[in-house]
Amino acid sequence: MQVETRIRIKSDPNLYRYLRENSYWYKYLNRNPIFIKKLEEEMKEKYKLRSVDKIENISNTIKLVESFLEVIK
């Protein structure tokens, strides 16, 4: 694996953890370091770190607060 790829993985704890959990990615990264982008996309999807997931989480929190306030009234 290239040094730049290793540094990028070590600098992101989530990426490092995901790579440890899904070791098949080592093979792809050793063959072609361009796969780091796909690895990051898959990691963000699994750990729900995409902006879409964050918006959904905020929306769910707002709905929960609204329902709680309705019960109080």
N, C-alpha and C. Protein backbone atom coordinates (compact mmCIF):
# COMPACT_ATOMS: atom_id res chain seq x y z
N MET A 1 0.85 -1.16 0.00
CA MET A 1 0.00 0.00 0.00
C MET A 1 0.90 1.23 0.00
N GLN A 2 0.50 2.24 -0.72
CA GLN A 2 1.31 3.45 -0.81
C GLN A 2 1.28 4.23 0.49
N VAL A 3 2.33 5.00 0.69
CA VAL A 3 2.48 5.76 1.93
C VAL A 3 1.37 6.80 2.06
N GLU A 4 1.02 7.47 0.98
CA GLU A 4 -0.04 8.48 1.02
C GLU A 4 -1.37 7.86 1.45
N THR A 5 -1.62 6.67 0.95
CA THR A 5 -2.86 5.97 1.30
C THR A 5 -2.87 5.60 2.77
N ARG A 6 -1.76 5.11 3.27
CA ARG A 6 -1.66 4.77 4.70
C ARG A 6 -1.87 5.99 5.58
N ILE A 7 -1.24 7.10 5.21
CA ILE A 7 -1.38 8.33 6.00
C ILE A 7 -2.83 8.78 6.01
N ARG A 8 -3.48 8.71 4.88
CA ARG A 8 -4.89 9.12 4.80
C ARG A 8 -5.77 8.23 5.67
N ILE A 9 -5.50 6.94 5.68
CA ILE A 9 -6.29 6.01 6.49
C ILE A 9 -6.03 6.24 7.98
N LYS A 10 -4.78 6.41 8.35
CA LYS A 10 -4.44 6.61 9.77
C LYS A 10 -4.95 7.94 10.31
N SER A 11 -5.11 8.93 9.45
CA SER A 11 -5.56 10.24 9.91
C SER A 11 -7.07 10.28 10.19
N ASP A 12 -7.80 9.31 9.66
CA ASP A 12 -9.25 9.27 9.87
C ASP A 12 -9.60 8.02 10.70
N PRO A 13 -9.98 8.20 11.97
CA PRO A 13 -10.26 7.03 12.83
C PRO A 13 -11.41 6.16 12.32
N ASN A 14 -12.43 6.79 11.73
CA ASN A 14 -13.55 6.01 11.21
C ASN A 14 -13.12 5.16 10.02
N LEU A 15 -12.33 5.75 9.18
CA LEU A 15 -11.84 5.01 8.01
C LEU A 15 -10.94 3.86 8.45
N TYR A 16 -10.10 4.11 9.40
CA TYR A 16 -9.21 3.07 9.92
C TYR A 16 -10.01 1.94 10.54
N ARG A 17 -11.01 2.26 11.32
CA ARG A 17 -11.85 1.24 11.95
C ARG A 17 -12.61 0.42 10.90
N TYR A 18 -13.15 1.13 9.90
CA TYR A 18 -13.89 0.42 8.84
C TYR A 18 -12.98 -0.52 8.07
N LEU A 19 -11.77 -0.09 7.80
CA LEU A 19 -10.83 -0.95 7.09
C LEU A 19 -10.47 -2.17 7.92
N ARG A 20 -10.34 -2.00 9.21
CA ARG A 20 -10.05 -3.14 10.08
C ARG A 20 -11.22 -4.12 10.13
N GLU A 21 -12.43 -3.60 10.08
CA GLU A 21 -13.61 -4.45 10.11
C GLU A 21 -13.85 -5.16 8.77
N ASN A 22 -13.42 -4.53 7.70
CA ASN A 22 -13.64 -5.08 6.35
C ASN A 22 -12.29 -5.22 5.66
N SER A 23 -11.59 -6.25 6.02
CA SER A 23 -10.21 -6.41 5.58
C SER A 23 -10.06 -6.69 4.08
N TYR A 24 -11.13 -7.04 3.41
CA TYR A 24 -11.03 -7.29 1.98
C TYR A 24 -10.58 -6.05 1.21
N TRP A 25 -10.76 -4.87 1.83
CA TRP A 25 -10.34 -3.63 1.18
C TRP A 25 -8.83 -3.52 1.05
N TYR A 26 -8.08 -4.19 1.88
CA TYR A 26 -6.62 -4.15 1.76
C TYR A 26 -6.16 -4.60 0.38
N LYS A 27 -6.80 -5.63 -0.12
CA LYS A 27 -6.44 -6.16 -1.44
C LYS A 27 -6.63 -5.09 -2.52
N TYR A 28 -7.77 -4.42 -2.47
CA TYR A 28 -8.05 -3.40 -3.48
C TYR A 28 -7.10 -2.21 -3.36
N LEU A 29 -6.82 -1.81 -2.14
CA LEU A 29 -5.94 -0.66 -1.95
C LEU A 29 -4.50 -0.97 -2.32
N ASN A 30 -4.08 -2.19 -2.13
CA ASN A 30 -2.74 -2.58 -2.55
C ASN A 30 -2.60 -2.59 -4.07
N ARG A 31 -3.66 -2.96 -4.73
CA ARG A 31 -3.62 -3.01 -6.20
C ARG A 31 -3.72 -1.63 -6.82
N ASN A 32 -4.61 -0.83 -6.28
CA ASN A 32 -4.83 0.50 -6.87
C ASN A 32 -5.28 1.46 -5.77
N PRO A 33 -4.50 2.48 -5.47
CA PRO A 33 -4.85 3.41 -4.38
C PRO A 33 -6.07 4.29 -4.69
N ILE A 34 -6.53 4.28 -5.92
CA ILE A 34 -7.71 5.08 -6.28
C ILE A 34 -8.96 4.56 -5.56
N PHE A 35 -8.92 3.30 -5.14
CA PHE A 35 -10.06 2.71 -4.44
C PHE A 35 -10.32 3.34 -3.08
N ILE A 36 -9.45 4.21 -2.63
CA ILE A 36 -9.65 4.86 -1.33
C ILE A 36 -10.95 5.68 -1.35
N LYS A 37 -11.28 6.25 -2.48
CA LYS A 37 -12.52 7.03 -2.58
C LYS A 37 -13.74 6.14 -2.40
N LYS A 38 -13.72 4.97 -3.01
CA LYS A 38 -14.84 4.04 -2.85
C LYS A 38 -14.92 3.53 -1.41
N LEU A 39 -13.77 3.31 -0.83
CA LEU A 39 -13.72 2.90 0.57
C LEU A 39 -14.34 3.97 1.47
N GLU A 40 -14.01 5.21 1.24
CA GLU A 40 -14.57 6.30 2.04
C GLU A 40 -16.08 6.42 1.84
N GLU A 41 -16.53 6.28 0.62
CA GLU A 41 -17.97 6.34 0.35
C GLU A 41 -18.72 5.23 1.09
N GLU A 42 -18.18 4.03 1.02
CA GLU A 42 -18.81 2.90 1.69
C GLU A 42 -18.81 3.09 3.21
N MET A 43 -17.71 3.59 3.73
CA MET A 43 -17.61 3.84 5.17
C MET A 43 -18.62 4.89 5.61
N LYS A 44 -18.73 5.97 4.86
CA LYS A 44 -19.69 7.02 5.22
C LYS A 44 -21.12 6.52 5.15
N GLU A 45 -21.39 5.66 4.20
CA GLU A 45 -22.74 5.10 4.09
C GLU A 45 -23.05 4.19 5.28
N LYS A 46 -22.09 3.37 5.67
CA LYS A 46 -22.33 2.44 6.78
C LYS A 46 -22.46 3.17 8.12
N TYR A 47 -21.58 4.13 8.36
CA TYR A 47 -21.59 4.86 9.64
C TYR A 47 -22.52 6.06 9.63
N LYS A 48 -23.23 6.24 8.52
CA LYS A 48 -24.20 7.33 8.37
C LYS A 48 -23.56 8.68 8.64
N LEU A 49 -22.52 8.97 7.88
CA LEU A 49 -21.80 10.22 7.99
C LEU A 49 -22.03 11.14 6.79
N ARG A 50 -22.90 10.70 5.90
CA ARG A 50 -23.20 11.54 4.74
C ARG A 50 -24.07 12.70 5.17
N SER A 51 -24.11 13.73 4.38
CA SER A 51 -24.93 14.90 4.70
C SER A 51 -26.41 14.54 4.70
N VAL A 52 -26.81 13.65 3.83
CA VAL A 52 -28.21 13.20 3.77
C VAL A 52 -28.61 12.54 5.10
N ASP A 53 -27.72 11.74 5.63
CA ASP A 53 -28.00 11.06 6.90
C ASP A 53 -28.08 12.06 8.06
N LYS A 54 -27.24 13.06 8.01
CA LYS A 54 -27.26 14.07 9.08
C LYS A 54 -28.56 14.87 9.04
N ILE A 55 -29.00 15.21 7.85
CA ILE A 55 -30.27 15.93 7.70
C ILE A 55 -31.43 15.07 8.18
N GLU A 56 -31.40 13.81 7.85
CA GLU A 56 -32.44 12.88 8.29
C GLU A 56 -32.45 12.77 9.81
N ASN A 57 -31.30 12.73 10.40
CA ASN A 57 -31.19 12.65 11.86
C ASN A 57 -31.77 13.90 12.52
N ILE A 58 -31.47 15.06 11.97
CA ILE A 58 -32.02 16.31 12.50
C ILE A 58 -33.54 16.32 12.36
N SER A 59 -34.02 15.87 11.22
CA SER A 59 -35.45 15.81 10.98
C SER A 59 -36.15 14.90 11.98
N ASN A 60 -35.56 13.75 12.25
CA ASN A 60 -36.13 12.82 13.22
C ASN A 60 -36.13 13.41 14.63
N THR A 61 -35.09 14.13 14.96
CA THR A 61 -35.02 14.78 16.27
C THR A 61 -36.10 15.84 16.42
N ILE A 62 -36.31 16.61 15.38
CA ILE A 62 -37.35 17.64 15.41
C ILE A 62 -38.73 17.00 15.54
N LYS A 63 -38.97 15.92 14.83
CA LYS A 63 -40.25 15.21 14.94
C LYS A 63 -40.47 14.67 16.35
N LEU A 64 -39.42 14.17 16.94
CA LEU A 64 -39.52 13.66 18.31
C LEU A 64 -39.86 14.78 19.28
N VAL A 65 -39.22 15.91 19.14
CA VAL A 65 -39.50 17.05 20.02
C VAL A 65 -40.93 17.54 19.81
N GLU A 66 -41.37 17.60 18.57
CA GLU A 66 -42.75 18.02 18.29
C GLU A 66 -43.76 17.09 18.93
N SER A 67 -43.54 15.79 18.81
CA SER A 67 -44.48 14.85 19.40
C SER A 67 -44.45 14.95 20.94
N PHE A 68 -43.30 15.17 21.48
CA PHE A 68 -43.19 15.33 22.93
C PHE A 68 -43.95 16.57 23.38
N LEU A 69 -43.82 17.66 22.64
CA LEU A 69 -44.53 18.89 23.00
C LEU A 69 -46.03 18.74 22.85
N GLU A 70 -46.48 17.96 21.88
CA GLU A 70 -47.92 17.73 21.73
C GLU A 70 -48.49 16.94 22.90
N VAL A 71 -47.72 16.01 23.42
CA VAL A 71 -48.15 15.22 24.55
C VAL A 71 -48.26 16.10 25.80
N ILE A 72 -47.36 17.02 25.95
CA ILE A 72 -47.35 17.90 27.11
C ILE A 72 -48.56 18.83 27.10
N LYS A 73 -48.99 19.29 25.95
CA LYS A 73 -50.12 20.24 25.85
C LYS A 73 -51.36 19.61 26.31
